[in-house]
Protein backbone atom coordinates (compact mmCIF):
# COMPACT_ATOMS: atom_id res chain seq x y z
CA MET A 1 84.08 112.58 93.22
CA LYS A 2 85.18 116.14 93.84
CA GLY A 3 88.15 116.31 96.19
CA SER A 4 88.82 112.61 95.83
CA ILE A 5 92.40 111.51 96.34
CA LYS A 6 92.03 109.57 93.08
CA ASN A 7 91.74 112.86 91.17
CA LYS A 8 95.06 114.16 92.50
CA PHE A 9 97.37 111.29 91.50
CA PRO A 10 97.97 109.15 88.40
CA SER A 11 94.95 106.98 87.59
CA SER A 12 97.26 103.99 87.09
CA TRP A 13 97.86 103.97 90.85
CA PHE A 14 94.20 103.12 91.42
CA LYS A 15 93.60 100.75 88.50
CA ASP A 16 93.20 97.66 90.69
CA ALA A 17 92.41 99.43 93.96
CA LYS A 18 89.63 98.11 96.17
CA VAL A 19 88.95 100.63 98.91
CA THR A 20 86.21 101.90 101.17
CA GLY A 21 85.66 105.53 102.04
CA LEU A 22 87.64 106.95 104.92
CA ASP A 23 84.62 107.23 107.20
CA LYS A 24 83.12 103.84 106.29
CA GLU A 25 83.55 100.60 108.17
CA PRO A 26 86.34 98.39 106.84
CA ASP A 27 85.33 95.62 104.45
CA PRO A 28 87.51 92.56 105.22
CA SER A 29 86.73 91.03 101.82
CA LEU A 30 88.70 93.84 100.16
CA ASN A 31 92.05 93.10 101.75
CA LYS A 32 94.55 90.35 101.10
CA PHE A 33 94.22 88.80 104.54
CA GLY A 34 90.42 88.99 104.90
CA ILE A 35 90.50 90.83 108.24
CA LYS A 36 89.21 94.11 109.67
CA SER A 37 92.29 96.22 109.36
CA LYS A 38 91.79 99.91 109.80
CA LYS A 39 91.05 102.47 112.43
CA SER A 40 88.60 105.26 111.73
CA LEU A 41 89.72 108.65 110.49
CA ALA A 42 88.42 110.05 113.79
CA HIS A 43 90.84 107.74 115.66
CA TRP A 44 93.76 108.98 113.54
CA LYS A 45 92.79 112.61 114.22
CA GLU A 46 92.40 111.89 117.94
CA LYS A 47 95.95 110.47 118.04
CA GLY A 48 97.38 113.50 116.22
CA TRP A 49 98.54 111.41 113.26
CA ILE A 50 96.83 113.64 110.69
CA LYS A 51 98.70 116.86 109.96
CA THR A 52 98.95 118.53 106.52
CA ASP A 53 97.12 115.84 104.57
CA LYS A 54 93.64 115.62 106.04
CA LYS A 55 92.76 112.21 104.63
CA ASP A 56 95.46 109.87 105.93
CA TRP A 57 99.05 108.61 105.79
CA PHE A 58 98.47 107.29 102.25
CA GLN A 59 97.78 110.83 101.01
CA TRP A 60 100.98 112.10 102.64
CA TYR A 61 102.94 109.19 101.13
CA CYS A 62 101.58 109.85 97.60
CA ASN A 63 102.47 113.54 97.86
CA TYR A 64 105.93 112.68 99.18
CA PHE A 65 106.46 110.17 96.36
CA MET A 66 105.43 112.84 93.83
CA GLY A 67 108.13 115.15 95.16
CA ARG A 68 106.47 117.37 97.75
CA ARG A 69 108.69 118.04 100.76
CA LEU A 70 107.54 119.35 104.14
CA GLY A 71 110.74 119.17 106.19
CA GLU A 72 109.93 118.33 109.82
CA GLU A 73 106.61 116.69 108.97
CA ASP A 74 108.33 114.40 106.43
CA ASP A 75 110.95 113.48 109.02
CA TRP A 76 108.18 112.70 111.54
CA GLN A 77 106.20 110.58 109.05
CA ILE A 78 109.29 108.65 107.95
CA LYS A 79 110.21 108.02 111.58
CA ARG A 80 106.67 106.70 112.24
CA TRP A 81 106.95 104.42 109.21
CA ARG A 82 110.32 103.05 110.26
CA GLN A 83 109.12 102.39 113.81
CA PHE A 84 105.95 100.69 112.57
CA VAL A 85 107.82 98.45 110.13
CA ALA A 86 110.56 97.60 112.66
CA ARG A 87 108.04 96.75 115.39
CA HIS A 88 105.78 94.56 113.28
CA MET A 89 108.49 92.93 111.14
CA GLY A 90 110.36 92.15 114.34
CA GLN A 91 107.33 90.27 115.66
CA ILE A 92 106.87 88.41 112.39
CA LYS A 93 110.55 87.45 112.23
CA ALA A 94 110.50 86.30 115.86
CA ASN A 95 107.32 84.23 115.60
CA CYS A 96 106.81 83.16 111.99
CA ASN A 97 108.30 81.66 108.92
CA ARG A 98 108.62 84.73 106.70
CA ASN A 99 106.63 83.10 103.87
CA ASN A 100 103.80 81.72 106.05
CA GLU A 101 101.24 84.44 105.51
CA ASP A 102 98.79 82.71 107.88
CA CYS A 103 101.06 83.70 110.77
CA ARG A 104 100.22 87.13 112.21
CA PRO A 105 97.90 88.26 109.39
CA LYS A 106 96.87 91.51 111.12
CA GLN A 107 100.47 92.61 111.41
CA ARG A 108 101.22 91.53 107.84
CA HIS A 109 98.26 93.47 106.53
CA GLY A 110 99.23 96.53 108.56
CA LEU A 111 102.67 96.36 106.97
CA LEU A 112 101.11 96.00 103.54
CA GLN A 113 99.01 99.11 104.20
CA TRP A 114 102.24 100.92 105.01
CA ALA A 115 103.85 99.81 101.72
CA TRP A 116 105.90 96.92 103.12
CA ASP A 117 105.76 93.31 101.90
CA SER A 118 106.34 91.13 104.96
CA THR A 119 107.51 88.19 102.84
CA GLU A 120 110.37 90.08 101.23
CA LEU A 121 113.72 90.70 102.83
CA LEU A 122 115.46 93.74 101.43
CA ASP A 123 119.16 94.32 101.46
CA ASP A 124 120.79 97.62 100.44
CA LYS A 125 121.22 96.46 96.83
CA LYS A 126 117.52 95.57 96.46
CA ILE A 127 116.46 98.87 98.05
CA LYS A 128 118.58 100.83 95.56
CA GLU A 129 117.16 98.79 92.64
CA LYS A 130 113.58 99.41 93.79
CA ASN A 131 114.22 103.13 94.25
CA LEU A 132 115.79 103.35 90.78
CA LYS A 133 112.71 101.66 89.25
CA LYS A 134 110.42 104.13 91.06
CA ILE A 135 112.44 107.11 89.84
CA LYS A 136 112.38 105.85 86.24
CA LYS A 137 108.63 105.19 86.43
CA LYS A 138 107.98 108.65 87.90
CA ALA A 139 110.01 110.26 85.09
CA LYS A 140 107.62 108.67 82.57
CA LEU A 141 104.44 110.05 84.25
């Protein structure tokens, strides 16, 4: 697939990936919670959420993880991520047992799509440990 996001990043990232194309209808059987869980690329463009990376937030995140920095756009994307996680984790914490994944599955899957495990509470120590593991792993690529 020429121009595929899979060709731009380490193949190990996609080893167990189950995804549909950006313009295809979501396939609920591919996600952990078995629900329709994505908006179309056209919707993202309409909302102004697509900037430098024309595919989606995942493409921006991969580039950011690999070390690319875009200044204001990075700040904007990180702010969006923080707001999304805070909003949806707040609802899960207020209405669910953290480990009951049957409670608010759409929000939990949305968080998972934005690289957040809704069953895990992270304190500063755990965040630093996770970041250190990512840095060490990246150094081996």
